[in-house]
Amino acid sequence: MEYVNFGKAGVKVSPLALGLGFRRQSDSIAAQRVIEHAIGLGINFIDCANVYSVGTNQDGIVHAETVLGKALRGKRDDVVITTKAASSVGSGPNDAGSSRYHIMREVERSLKRLNTDHIDVYLIHVSDESTPLEETIRALDDLVRAGKVRYIGCCNYEDSWRICKALWIADKINATPYMCIQNQYSLLNRSLEREIFALVREEGLGVMVYSPLGVGLLSGVNSPESYPPEALWANRNPRLEYGRSIQEAVNSVISSVKQLAGELGKTPAQLGLAWVLSHPEITAAIIGCDTMDQVTENVGALGWTLDDSVREKLDAVSAPLT
């Protein structure tokens, strides 16, 4: 495993991060084994959130943070972990958002579940229009100064201006700035290239991307003719004609990835991940594996170089999804 700097920060991480937003794994013991297997293969980067869960037991919901805490026993100092706050954790008026109140409450809950005294990268999970960015930045800075958090970042900020404003506020008040962002990016969703890549290069931000295989559409499991329309990357309800054009573009990408992967002797998942990681702006792709075999397959995306001619073919077929 070759490790890379997380943006301009000094901490080094594996270019694949294991994401704990398990979709088809409800067995917490099996999930723990997946985490341990990934670490055994050299993955030192684990992405979690306070709203991720792995099934239920007699006590209720089994939090992914709790499973991660158990998996890290004896390994905590060798693994870089993220977790998040801001998404809804209940029905109360302060059970969501990026207010100081919510952040300070949720970080303590996460630390307890993770069974650790610090979080390496603490992320704001979603943009919160009701809380001033300065309040959020000041709260996060206090956590860094208290030693409970090492680095901070944001997820799902769709607009480059919002990220830029957060960096400007941190500079103005002499607070810890966001050092990374986490957004969706794949051959089926290249929207980061419009504005955010330029900001990333200018500011030296680390970039974690989720759904690098287009919510599984590029895993090789789905055929272009049978994937469910609701799984489209945009997750919206576009007008019929627009939807048809997007579906045709998605079908073309899936078919091309399968064909090119076969020619290279790789799986579609390995090729899709290699394309994502071929972009210098990307620090790590978050793999959403439910089994150890899937982790092993995904690690096969590393250790080889994507040929320029293959990269150009994938760029061309996915251009309509930029």
C-alpha atoms as a PDB file:
ATOM      1  CA  MET A   1       0.000   0.000   0.000  1.00  0.00           C
ATOM      2  CA  GLU A   2       1.362   3.408  -0.972  1.00  0.00           C
ATOM      3  CA  TYR A   3       0.162   6.237   1.256  1.00  0.00           C
ATOM      4  CA  VAL A   4      -0.481   9.821   0.216  1.00  0.00           C
ATOM      5  CA  ASN A   5      -0.662  13.160   1.963  1.00  0.00           C
ATOM      6  CA  PHE A   6      -4.187  14.254   2.820  1.00  0.00           C
ATOM      7  CA  GLY A   7      -4.193  17.403   0.705  1.00  0.00           C
ATOM      8  CA  LYS A   8      -1.490  19.733   1.965  1.00  0.00           C
ATOM      9  CA  ALA A   9      -1.698  18.290   5.487  1.00  0.00           C
ATOM     10  CA  GLY A  10       1.169  16.150   6.734  1.00  0.00           C
ATOM     11  CA  VAL A  11      -0.943  13.137   7.702  1.00  0.00           C
ATOM     12  CA  LYS A  12      -0.684  10.232   5.272  1.00  0.00           C
ATOM     13  CA  VAL A  13      -3.626   8.047   4.313  1.00  0.00           C
ATOM     14  CA  SER A  14      -4.348   5.154   2.005  1.00  0.00           C
ATOM     15  CA  PRO A  15      -5.900   6.180  -1.335  1.00  0.00           C
ATOM     16  CA  LEU A  16      -8.846   3.940  -0.517  1.00  0.00           C
ATOM     17  CA  ALA A  17     -10.910   4.698   2.566  1.00  0.00           C
ATOM     18  CA  LEU A  18     -13.332   2.139   3.930  1.00  0.00           C
ATOM     19  CA  GLY A  19     -16.777   3.692   4.285  1.00  0.00           C
ATOM     20  CA  LEU A  20     -19.017   2.405   7.066  1.00  0.00           C
ATOM     21  CA  GLY A  21     -22.333   3.438   5.567  1.00  0.00           C
ATOM     22  CA  PHE A  22     -23.156  -0.235   5.092  1.00  0.00           C
ATOM     23  CA  ARG A  23     -26.015  -0.772   2.640  1.00  0.00           C
ATOM     24  CA  ARG A  24     -26.417  -4.548   2.689  1.00  0.00           C
ATOM     25  CA  GLN A  25     -24.651  -5.563   5.874  1.00  0.00           C
ATOM     26  CA  SER A  26     -26.731  -5.731   9.051  1.00  0.00           C
ATOM     27  CA  ASP A  27     -24.524  -8.125  11.024  1.00  0.00           C
ATOM     28  CA  SER A  28     -22.283  -6.099  13.329  1.00  0.00           C
ATOM     29  CA  ILE A  29     -19.814  -8.980  13.824  1.00  0.00           C
ATOM     30  CA  ALA A  30     -19.419  -9.399  10.064  1.00  0.00           C
ATOM     31  CA  ALA A  31     -19.046  -5.630   9.708  1.00  0.00           C
ATOM     32  CA  GLN A  32     -16.272  -5.619  12.298  1.00  0.00           C
ATOM     33  CA  ARG A  33     -14.481  -8.343  10.364  1.00  0.00           C
ATOM     34  CA  VAL A  34     -14.738  -6.267   7.189  1.00  0.00           C
ATOM     35  CA  ILE A  35     -13.058  -3.368   8.986  1.00  0.00           C
ATOM     36  CA  GLU A  36     -10.323  -5.594  10.403  1.00  0.00           C
ATOM     37  CA  HIS A  37      -9.757  -7.166   6.972  1.00  0.00           C
ATOM     38  CA  ALA A  38      -9.388  -3.736   5.348  1.00  0.00           C
ATOM     39  CA  ILE A  39      -6.839  -2.682   7.954  1.00  0.00           C
ATOM     40  CA  GLY A  40      -4.985  -5.951   7.387  1.00  0.00           C
ATOM     41  CA  LEU A  41      -4.712  -5.106   3.679  1.00  0.00           C
ATOM     42  CA  GLY A  42      -3.104  -1.759   4.516  1.00  0.00           C
ATOM     43  CA  ILE A  43      -6.122   0.551   4.465  1.00  0.00           C
ATOM     44  CA  ASN A  44      -5.479   3.035   7.268  1.00  0.00           C
ATOM     45  CA  PHE A  45      -8.376   5.368   6.495  1.00  0.00           C
ATOM     46  CA  ILE A  46     -11.899   4.666   7.794  1.00  0.00           C
ATOM     47  CA  ASP A  47     -14.875   6.938   7.116  1.00  0.00           C
ATOM     48  CA  CYS A  48     -17.801   6.937   9.531  1.00  0.00           C
ATOM     49  CA  ALA A  49     -20.651   9.164  10.721  1.00  0.00           C
ATOM     50  CA  ASN A  50     -22.850   9.492  13.771  1.00  0.00           C
ATOM     51  CA  VAL A  51     -25.876   8.448  11.697  1.00  0.00           C
ATOM     52  CA  TYR A  52     -24.404   5.261  10.209  1.00  0.00           C
ATOM     53  CA  SER A  53     -25.700   2.014  11.679  1.00  0.00           C
ATOM     54  CA  VAL A  54     -25.236  -1.735  11.293  1.00  0.00           C
ATOM     55  CA  GLY A  55     -28.570  -3.355  12.073  1.00  0.00           C
ATOM     56  CA  THR A  56     -30.090  -3.650  15.524  1.00  0.00           C
ATOM     57  CA  ASN A  57     -29.759  -5.775  18.652  1.00  0.00           C
ATOM     58  CA  GLN A  58     -31.663  -6.136  21.907  1.00  0.00           C
ATOM     59  CA  ASP A  59     -30.545  -2.640  22.910  1.00  0.00           C
ATOM     60  CA  GLY A  60     -31.692  -1.004  19.685  1.00  0.00           C
ATOM     61  CA  ILE A  61     -29.657   0.452  16.819  1.00  0.00           C
ATOM     62  CA  VAL A  62     -26.061  -0.720  16.508  1.00  0.00           C
ATOM     63  CA  HIS A  63     -24.044   2.375  15.597  1.00  0.00           C
ATOM     64  CA  ALA A  64     -21.264   1.953  13.057  1.00  0.00           C
ATOM     65  CA  GLU A  65     -19.108   4.092  15.372  1.00  0.00           C
ATOM     66  CA  THR A  66     -19.476   1.445  18.075  1.00  0.00           C
ATOM     67  CA  VAL A  67     -18.463  -1.312  15.670  1.00  0.00           C
ATOM     68  CA  LEU A  68     -15.491   0.748  14.535  1.00  0.00           C
ATOM     69  CA  GLY A  69     -14.424   1.347  18.135  1.00  0.00           C
ATOM     70  CA  LYS A  70     -14.334  -2.398  18.742  1.00  0.00           C
ATOM     71  CA  ALA A  71     -12.405  -3.060  15.534  1.00  0.00           C
ATOM     72  CA  LEU A  72      -9.764  -0.506  16.483  1.00  0.00           C
ATOM     73  CA  ARG A  73      -8.793  -2.072  19.803  1.00  0.00           C
ATOM     74  CA  GLY A  74      -5.006  -2.249  19.788  1.00  0.00           C
ATOM     75  CA  LYS A  75      -4.855  -0.433  16.426  1.00  0.00           C
ATOM     76  CA  ARG A  76      -6.208   3.038  17.208  1.00  0.00           C
ATOM     77  CA  ASP A  77      -2.918   4.881  16.752  1.00  0.00           C
ATOM     78  CA  ASP A  78      -2.353   3.319  13.320  1.00  0.00           C
ATOM     79  CA  VAL A  79      -5.654   4.305  11.717  1.00  0.00           C
ATOM     80  CA  VAL A  80      -7.013   7.671  10.583  1.00  0.00           C
ATOM     81  CA  ILE A  81     -10.739   7.852  11.276  1.00  0.00           C
ATOM     82  CA  THR A  82     -13.402  10.331  10.321  1.00  0.00           C
ATOM     83  CA  THR A  83     -16.842  10.834  11.708  1.00  0.00           C
ATOM     84  CA  LYS A  84     -19.502  13.441  11.124  1.00  0.00           C
ATOM     85  CA  ALA A  85     -22.225  15.586  12.628  1.00  0.00           C
ATOM     86  CA  ALA A  86     -25.079  17.759  11.291  1.00  0.00           C
ATOM     87  CA  SER A  87     -27.422  15.132   9.856  1.00  0.00           C
ATOM     88  CA  SER A  88     -30.595  14.488  11.815  1.00  0.00           C
ATOM     89  CA  VAL A  89     -30.279  12.150  14.794  1.00  0.00           C
ATOM     90  CA  GLY A  90     -33.772  12.684  16.165  1.00  0.00           C
ATOM     91  CA  SER A  91     -36.938  14.737  16.047  1.00  0.00           C
ATOM     92  CA  GLY A  92     -35.913  17.457  18.497  1.00  0.00           C
ATOM     93  CA  PRO A  93     -35.253  21.067  17.460  1.00  0.00           C
ATOM     94  CA  ASN A  94     -31.507  20.700  18.080  1.00  0.00           C
ATOM     95  CA  ASP A  95     -31.104  17.174  16.735  1.00  0.00           C
ATOM     96  CA  ALA A  96     -29.592  18.330  13.441  1.00  0.00           C
ATOM     97  CA  GLY A  97     -27.500  21.118  11.996  1.00  0.00           C
ATOM     98  CA  SER A  98     -24.089  22.621  12.600  1.00  0.00           C
ATOM     99  CA  SER A  99     -24.823  24.835  15.593  1.00  0.00           C
ATOM    100  CA  ARG A 100     -22.352  24.945  18.477  1.00  0.00           C
ATOM    101  CA  TYR A 101     -24.971  23.214  20.616  1.00  0.00           C
ATOM    102  CA  HIS A 102     -25.357  20.274  18.229  1.00  0.00           C
ATOM    103  CA  ILE A 103     -21.663  19.900  17.415  1.00  0.00           C
ATOM    104  CA  MET A 104     -20.537  19.919  21.041  1.00  0.00           C
ATOM    105  CA  ARG A 105     -23.191  17.401  22.030  1.00  0.00           C
ATOM    106  CA  GLU A 106     -22.612  15.050  19.120  1.00  0.00           C
ATOM    107  CA  VAL A 107     -18.828  14.984  19.348  1.00  0.00           C
ATOM    108  CA  GLU A 108     -19.067  13.681  22.905  1.00  0.00           C
ATOM    109  CA  ARG A 109     -21.498  10.975  21.843  1.00  0.00           C
ATOM    110  CA  SER A 110     -19.223   9.964  18.968  1.00  0.00           C
ATOM    111  CA  LEU A 111     -16.128   9.834  21.170  1.00  0.00           C
ATOM    112  CA  LYS A 112     -17.944   7.561  23.608  1.00  0.00           C
ATOM    113  CA  ARG A 113     -19.158   5.193  20.890  1.00  0.00           C
ATOM    114  CA  LEU A 114     -15.752   5.119  19.224  1.00  0.00           C
ATOM    115  CA  ASN A 115     -14.082   4.470  22.586  1.00  0.00           C
ATOM    116  CA  THR A 116     -11.375   7.013  21.815  1.00  0.00           C
ATOM    117  CA  ASP A 117     -10.225  10.363  23.149  1.00  0.00           C
ATOM    118  CA  HIS A 118      -9.912  12.019  19.750  1.00  0.00           C
ATOM    119  CA  ILE A 119     -11.297  12.042  16.215  1.00  0.00           C
ATOM    120  CA  ASP A 120      -8.747  12.449  13.445  1.00  0.00           C
ATOM    121  CA  VAL A 121     -11.014  14.196  10.933  1.00  0.00           C
ATOM    122  CA  TYR A 122     -14.340  15.670  12.071  1.00  0.00           C
ATOM    123  CA  LEU A 123     -16.677  16.541   9.225  1.00  0.00           C
ATOM    124  CA  ILE A 124     -19.793  18.643   8.902  1.00  0.00           C
ATOM    125  CA  HIS A 125     -22.035  16.169   7.114  1.00  0.00           C
ATOM    126  CA  VAL A 126     -24.415  18.553   5.349  1.00  0.00           C
ATOM    127  CA  SER A 127     -24.700  22.269   4.752  1.00  0.00           C
ATOM    128  CA  ASP A 128     -26.842  24.045   7.363  1.00  0.00           C
ATOM    129  CA  GLU A 129     -28.466  27.222   6.095  1.00  0.00           C
ATOM    130  CA  SER A 130     -29.854  28.112   9.543  1.00  0.00           C
ATOM    131  CA  THR A 131     -26.493  28.398  11.324  1.00  0.00           C
ATOM    132  CA  PRO A 132     -23.895  31.090  10.571  1.00  0.00           C
ATOM    133  CA  LEU A 133     -20.697  29.563   9.206  1.00  0.00           C
ATOM    134  CA  GLU A 134     -18.681  31.486  11.771  1.00  0.00           C
ATOM    135  CA  GLU A 135     -20.506  29.727  14.622  1.00  0.00           C
ATOM    136  CA  THR A 136     -19.694  26.374  13.072  1.00  0.00           C
ATOM    137  CA  ILE A 137     -16.043  27.219  12.449  1.00  0.00           C
ATOM    138  CA  ARG A 138     -15.546  28.572  15.978  1.00  0.00           C
ATOM    139  CA  ALA A 139     -17.074  25.444  17.511  1.00  0.00           C
ATOM    140  CA  LEU A 140     -14.868  23.162  15.417  1.00  0.00           C
ATOM    141  CA  ASP A 141     -11.797  25.244  16.229  1.00  0.00           C
ATOM    142  CA  ASP A 142     -12.533  24.865  19.939  1.00  0.00           C
ATOM    143  CA  LEU A 143     -12.605  21.086  19.497  1.00  0.00           C
ATOM    144  CA  VAL A 144      -9.209  21.170  17.776  1.00  0.00           C
ATOM    145  CA  ARG A 145      -7.730  23.356  20.507  1.00  0.00           C
ATOM    146  CA  ALA A 146      -9.170  21.008  23.145  1.00  0.00           C
ATOM    147  CA  GLY A 147      -7.450  18.039  21.492  1.00  0.00           C
ATOM    148  CA  LYS A 148     -10.682  16.210  20.757  1.00  0.00           C
ATOM    149  CA  VAL A 149     -10.322  16.678  16.996  1.00  0.00           C
ATOM    150  CA  ARG A 150      -7.178  16.768  14.833  1.00  0.00           C
ATOM    151  CA  TYR A 151      -8.518  18.101  11.509  1.00  0.00           C
ATOM    152  CA  ILE A 152     -11.856  19.424  10.273  1.00  0.00           C
ATOM    153  CA  GLY A 153     -13.691  19.382   6.971  1.00  0.00           C
ATOM    154  CA  CYS A 154     -17.058  19.499   5.266  1.00  0.00           C
ATOM    155  CA  CYS A 155     -19.250  17.206   3.195  1.00  0.00           C
ATOM    156  CA  ASN A 156     -21.745  17.867   0.444  1.00  0.00           C
ATOM    157  CA  TYR A 157     -20.997  21.564   0.013  1.00  0.00           C
ATOM    158  CA  GLU A 158     -22.128  21.754  -3.592  1.00  0.00           C
ATOM    159  CA  ASP A 159     -20.966  25.330  -4.200  1.00  0.00           C
ATOM    160  CA  SER A 160     -17.333  26.374  -4.282  1.00  0.00           C
ATOM    161  CA  TRP A 161     -18.246  29.769  -2.830  1.00  0.00           C
ATOM    162  CA  ARG A 162     -19.476  28.162   0.399  1.00  0.00           C
ATOM    163  CA  ILE A 163     -16.206  26.294   0.879  1.00  0.00           C
ATOM    164  CA  CYS A 164     -14.275  29.449   0.035  1.00  0.00           C
ATOM    165  CA  LYS A 165     -16.328  31.478   2.527  1.00  0.00           C
ATOM    166  CA  ALA A 166     -15.611  28.941   5.274  1.00  0.00           C
ATOM    167  CA  LEU A 167     -11.872  29.197   4.551  1.00  0.00           C
ATOM    168  CA  TRP A 168     -12.071  32.997   4.556  1.00  0.00           C
ATOM    169  CA  ILE A 169     -13.897  33.072   7.905  1.00  0.00           C
ATOM    170  CA  ALA A 170     -11.313  30.774   9.482  1.00  0.00           C
ATOM    171  CA  ASP A 171      -8.521  33.016   8.224  1.00  0.00           C
ATOM    172  CA  LYS A 172     -10.283  36.155   9.444  1.00  0.00           C
ATOM    173  CA  ILE A 173     -10.826  34.874  12.991  1.00  0.00           C
ATOM    174  CA  ASN A 174      -7.551  32.917  13.186  1.00  0.00           C
ATOM    175  CA  ALA A 175      -9.352  29.586  13.503  1.00  0.00           C
ATOM    176  CA  THR A 176      -8.566  26.115  12.217  1.00  0.00           C
ATOM    177  CA  PRO A 177      -9.649  25.930   8.555  1.00  0.00           C
ATOM    178  CA  TYR A 178     -11.298  23.087   6.714  1.00  0.00           C
ATOM    179  CA  MET A 179      -8.499  20.886   5.428  1.00  0.00           C
ATOM    180  CA  CYS A 180     -10.676  18.596   3.318  1.00  0.00           C
ATOM    181  CA  ILE A 181     -13.977  18.138   1.598  1.00  0.00           C
ATOM    182  CA  GLN A 182     -16.083  15.045   0.965  1.00  0.00           C
ATOM    183  CA  ASN A 183     -18.403  14.924  -2.032  1.00  0.00           C
ATOM    184  CA  GLN A 184     -19.762  12.463  -4.555  1.00  0.00           C
ATOM    185  CA  TYR A 185     -17.619  11.803  -7.624  1.00  0.00           C
ATOM    186  CA  SER A 186     -17.462   9.051 -10.220  1.00  0.00           C
ATOM    187  CA  LEU A 187     -17.681   8.416 -13.938  1.00  0.00           C
ATOM    188  CA  LEU A 188     -21.431   8.914 -13.466  1.00  0.00           C
ATOM    189  CA  ASN A 189     -21.134  12.210 -11.621  1.00  0.00           C
ATOM    190  CA  ARG A 190     -18.281  14.511 -12.579  1.00  0.00           C
ATOM    191  CA  SER A 191     -19.809  17.711 -11.239  1.00  0.00           C
ATOM    192  CA  LEU A 192     -16.806  18.411  -8.968  1.00  0.00           C
ATOM    193  CA  GLU A 193     -14.843  19.271 -12.083  1.00  0.00           C
ATOM    194  CA  ARG A 194     -16.946  22.357 -12.818  1.00  0.00           C
ATOM    195  CA  GLU A 195     -15.639  24.602 -10.030  1.00  0.00           C
ATOM    196  CA  ILE A 196     -14.512  22.695  -6.963  1.00  0.00           C
ATOM    197  CA  PHE A 197     -11.450  21.033  -8.499  1.00  0.00           C
ATOM    198  CA  ALA A 198     -10.002  24.469  -9.241  1.00  0.00           C
ATOM    199  CA  LEU A 199     -10.559  25.556  -5.629  1.00  0.00           C
ATOM    200  CA  VAL A 200      -9.007  22.331  -4.358  1.00  0.00           C
ATOM    201  CA  ARG A 201      -5.867  22.922  -6.398  1.00  0.00           C
ATOM    202  CA  GLU A 202      -5.623  26.540  -5.283  1.00  0.00           C
ATOM    203  CA  GLU A 203      -6.115  25.871  -1.569  1.00  0.00           C
ATOM    204  CA  GLY A 204      -4.469  22.455  -1.237  1.00  0.00           C
ATOM    205  CA  LEU A 205      -7.574  20.788   0.153  1.00  0.00           C
ATOM    206  CA  GLY A 206      -7.785  17.050   0.584  1.00  0.00           C
ATOM    207  CA  VAL A 207     -10.670  15.399  -1.235  1.00  0.00           C
ATOM    208  CA  MET A 208     -12.522  12.267  -0.178  1.00  0.00           C
ATOM    209  CA  VAL A 209     -15.120  11.081  -2.664  1.00  0.00           C
ATOM    210  CA  TYR A 210     -18.028   8.798  -1.936  1.00  0.00           C
ATOM    211  CA  SER A 211     -19.964   6.607  -4.375  1.00  0.00           C
ATOM    212  CA  PRO A 212     -16.884   6.330  -6.639  1.00  0.00           C
ATOM    213  CA  LEU A 213     -18.692   3.465  -8.364  1.00  0.00           C
ATOM    214  CA  GLY A 214     -21.888   5.431  -8.926  1.00  0.00           C
ATOM    215  CA  VAL A 215     -23.918   3.891  -6.074  1.00  0.00           C
ATOM    216  CA  GLY A 216     -22.814   0.473  -7.304  1.00  0.00           C
ATOM    217  CA  LEU A 217     -23.763   0.909 -10.948  1.00  0.00           C
ATOM    218  CA  LEU A 218     -20.115   0.510 -11.975  1.00  0.00           C
ATOM    219  CA  SER A 219     -19.473  -2.513  -9.790  1.00  0.00           C
ATOM    220  CA  GLY A 220     -20.174  -4.920 -12.646  1.00  0.00           C
ATOM    221  CA  VAL A 221     -23.246  -6.338 -10.937  1.00  0.00           C
ATOM    222  CA  ASN A 222     -25.791  -4.266 -12.861  1.00  0.00           C
ATOM    223  CA  SER A 223     -26.356  -4.471 -16.595  1.00  0.00           C
ATOM    224  CA  PRO A 224     -27.074  -1.245 -18.499  1.00  0.00           C
ATOM    225  CA  GLU A 225     -30.536  -2.507 -19.370  1.00  0.00           C
ATOM    226  CA  SER A 226     -31.677  -3.466 -15.895  1.00  0.00           C
ATOM    227  CA  TYR A 227     -30.450  -0.892 -13.391  1.00  0.00           C
ATOM    228  CA  PRO A 228     -33.232   0.948 -11.532  1.00  0.00           C
ATOM    229  CA  PRO A 229     -33.834   4.509 -12.768  1.00  0.00           C
ATOM    230  CA  GLU A 230     -34.106   5.716  -9.146  1.00  0.00           C
ATOM    231  CA  ALA A 231     -30.426   4.827  -8.691  1.00  0.00           C
ATOM    232  CA  LEU A 232     -29.350   7.593 -11.043  1.00  0.00           C
ATOM    233  CA  TRP A 233     -26.485   9.613  -9.619  1.00  0.00           C
ATOM    234  CA  ALA A 234     -28.512  12.822  -9.448  1.00  0.00           C
ATOM    235  CA  ASN A 235     -31.090  11.206  -7.159  1.00  0.00           C
ATOM    236  CA  ARG A 236     -33.657  13.650  -8.453  1.00  0.00           C
ATOM    237  CA  ASN A 237     -36.828  13.496 -10.518  1.00  0.00           C
ATOM    238  CA  PRO A 238     -35.836  15.231 -13.776  1.00  0.00           C
ATOM    239  CA  ARG A 239     -38.141  15.906 -16.674  1.00  0.00           C
ATOM    240  CA  LEU A 240     -38.772  12.841 -18.838  1.00  0.00           C
ATOM    241  CA  GLU A 241     -36.653  13.824 -21.830  1.00  0.00           C
ATOM    242  CA  TYR A 242     -33.767  14.938 -19.630  1.00  0.00           C
ATOM    243  CA  GLY A 243     -34.057  11.678 -17.715  1.00  0.00           C
ATOM    244  CA  ARG A 244     -33.858   9.698 -20.936  1.00  0.00           C
ATOM    245  CA  SER A 245     -30.703  11.474 -22.045  1.00  0.00           C
ATOM    246  CA  ILE A 246     -29.081  10.869 -18.666  1.00  0.00           C
ATOM    247  CA  GLN A 247     -30.091   7.201 -18.769  1.00  0.00           C
ATOM    248  CA  GLU A 248     -28.528   6.790 -22.204  1.00  0.00           C
ATOM    249  CA  ALA A 249     -25.297   8.409 -20.991  1.00  0.00           C
ATOM    250  CA  VAL A 250     -25.204   6.194 -17.895  1.00  0.00           C
ATOM    251  CA  ASN A 251     -25.792   3.079 -20.020  1.00  0.00           C
ATOM    252  CA  SER A 252     -22.900   4.064 -22.300  1.00  0.00           C
ATOM    253  CA  VAL A 253     -20.548   4.511 -19.374  1.00  0.00           C
ATOM    254  CA  ILE A 254     -21.498   1.181 -17.766  1.00  0.00           C
ATOM    255  CA  SER A 255     -21.027  -0.660 -21.064  1.00  0.00           C
ATOM    256  CA  SER A 256     -17.660   1.007 -21.736  1.00  0.00           C
ATOM    257  CA  VAL A 257     -16.351   0.265 -18.255  1.00  0.00           C
ATOM    258  CA  LYS A 258     -17.289  -3.411 -18.587  1.00  0.00           C
ATOM    259  CA  GLN A 259     -15.687  -3.712 -22.012  1.00  0.00           C
ATOM    260  CA  LEU A 260     -12.464  -1.886 -21.125  1.00  0.00           C
ATOM    261  CA  ALA A 261     -12.111  -3.704 -17.800  1.00  0.00           C
ATOM    262  CA  GLY A 262     -12.358  -7.031 -19.609  1.00  0.00           C
ATOM    263  CA  GLU A 263      -9.660  -5.983 -22.067  1.00  0.00           C
ATOM    264  CA  LEU A 264      -7.379  -4.989 -19.179  1.00  0.00           C
ATOM    265  CA  GLY A 265      -8.014  -8.098 -17.116  1.00  0.00           C
ATOM    266  CA  LYS A 266      -9.541  -5.975 -14.340  1.00  0.00           C
ATOM    267  CA  THR A 267     -12.996  -5.914 -12.835  1.00  0.00           C
ATOM    268  CA  PRO A 268     -15.328  -2.989 -13.604  1.00  0.00           C
ATOM    269  CA  ALA A 269     -15.038  -1.871  -9.985  1.00  0.00           C
ATOM    270  CA  GLN A 270     -11.248  -1.797 -10.180  1.00  0.00           C
ATOM    271  CA  LEU A 271     -11.306   0.228 -13.378  1.00  0.00           C
ATOM    272  CA  GLY A 272     -13.900   2.675 -12.049  1.00  0.00           C
ATOM    273  CA  LEU A 273     -11.859   3.279  -8.907  1.00  0.00           C
ATOM    274  CA  ALA A 274      -8.610   3.593 -10.865  1.00  0.00           C
ATOM    275  CA  TRP A 275     -10.197   6.296 -13.037  1.00  0.00           C
ATOM    276  CA  VAL A 276     -11.289   8.256  -9.968  1.00  0.00           C
ATOM    277  CA  LEU A 277      -7.856   7.966  -8.346  1.00  0.00           C
ATOM    278  CA  SER A 278      -6.101   9.009 -11.559  1.00  0.00           C
ATOM    279  CA  HIS A 279      -7.198  12.585 -10.820  1.00  0.00           C
ATOM    280  CA  PRO A 280      -4.528  14.411  -8.787  1.00  0.00           C
ATOM    281  CA  GLU A 281      -7.222  16.403  -6.985  1.00  0.00           C
ATOM    282  CA  ILE A 282      -8.560  13.234  -5.325  1.00  0.00           C
ATOM    283  CA  THR A 283      -6.909  12.080  -2.105  1.00  0.00           C
ATOM    284  CA  ALA A 284      -9.025   9.008  -1.438  1.00  0.00           C
ATOM    285  CA  ALA A 285     -12.009   7.131  -2.814  1.00  0.00           C
ATOM    286  CA  ILE A 286     -14.398   5.814  -0.180  1.00  0.00           C
ATOM    287  CA  ILE A 287     -15.298   2.207  -0.889  1.00  0.00           C
ATOM    288  CA  GLY A 288     -18.660   0.996   0.400  1.00  0.00           C
ATOM    289  CA  CYS A 289     -17.894  -2.671   0.928  1.00  0.00           C
ATOM    290  CA  ASP A 290     -20.237  -5.036   2.761  1.00  0.00           C
ATOM    291  CA  THR A 291     -17.954  -8.081   2.573  1.00  0.00           C
ATOM    292  CA  MET A 292     -14.281  -8.914   2.867  1.00  0.00           C
ATOM    293  CA  ASP A 293     -14.225 -10.164  -0.722  1.00  0.00           C
ATOM    294  CA  GLN A 294     -15.428  -6.774  -1.943  1.00  0.00           C
ATOM    295  CA  VAL A 295     -12.632  -5.054  -0.008  1.00  0.00           C
ATOM    296  CA  THR A 296     -10.062  -7.380  -1.546  1.00  0.00           C
ATOM    297  CA  GLU A 297     -11.424  -6.731  -5.032  1.00  0.00           C
ATOM    298  CA  ASN A 298     -11.410  -2.968  -4.546  1.00  0.00           C
ATOM    299  CA  VAL A 299      -7.806  -2.972  -3.322  1.00  0.00           C
ATOM    300  CA  GLY A 300      -7.008  -4.399  -6.755  1.00  0.00           C
ATOM    301  CA  ALA A 301      -7.608  -0.893  -8.116  1.00  0.00           C
ATOM    302  CA  LEU A 302      -4.218   0.042  -6.658  1.00  0.00           C
ATOM    303  CA  GLY A 303      -0.708  -0.818  -7.766  1.00  0.00           C
ATOM    304  CA  TRP A 304      -1.125  -0.232 -11.488  1.00  0.00           C
ATOM    305  CA  THR A 305      -1.317   2.806 -13.743  1.00  0.00           C
ATOM    306  CA  LEU A 306      -4.313   3.640 -15.879  1.00  0.00           C
ATOM    307  CA  ASP A 307      -3.194   3.899 -19.489  1.00  0.00           C
ATOM    308  CA  ASP A 308      -3.711   7.338 -21.049  1.00  0.00           C
ATOM    309  CA  SER A 309      -5.684   5.909 -23.954  1.00  0.00           C
ATOM    310  CA  VAL A 310      -8.096   4.140 -21.589  1.00  0.00           C
ATOM    311  CA  ARG A 311      -8.422   7.280 -19.479  1.00  0.00           C
ATOM    312  CA  GLU A 312      -9.268   9.301 -22.603  1.00  0.00           C
ATOM    313  CA  LYS A 313     -11.949   6.807 -23.653  1.00  0.00           C
ATOM    314  CA  LEU A 314     -13.564   6.951 -20.205  1.00  0.00           C
ATOM    315  CA  ASP A 315     -13.329  10.738 -20.150  1.00  0.00           C
ATOM    316  CA  ALA A 316     -15.077  10.935 -23.511  1.00  0.00           C
ATOM    317  CA  VAL A 317     -17.930   8.539 -22.762  1.00  0.00           C
ATOM    318  CA  SER A 318     -18.634  10.159 -19.384  1.00  0.00           C
ATOM    319  CA  ALA A 319     -18.329  13.771 -20.599  1.00  0.00           C
ATOM    320  CA  PRO A 320     -22.152  14.252 -20.732  1.00  0.00           C
ATOM    321  CA  LEU A 321     -22.209  13.613 -16.959  1.00  0.00           C
ATOM    322  CA  THR A 322     -19.751  16.388 -16.101  1.00  0.00           C
END
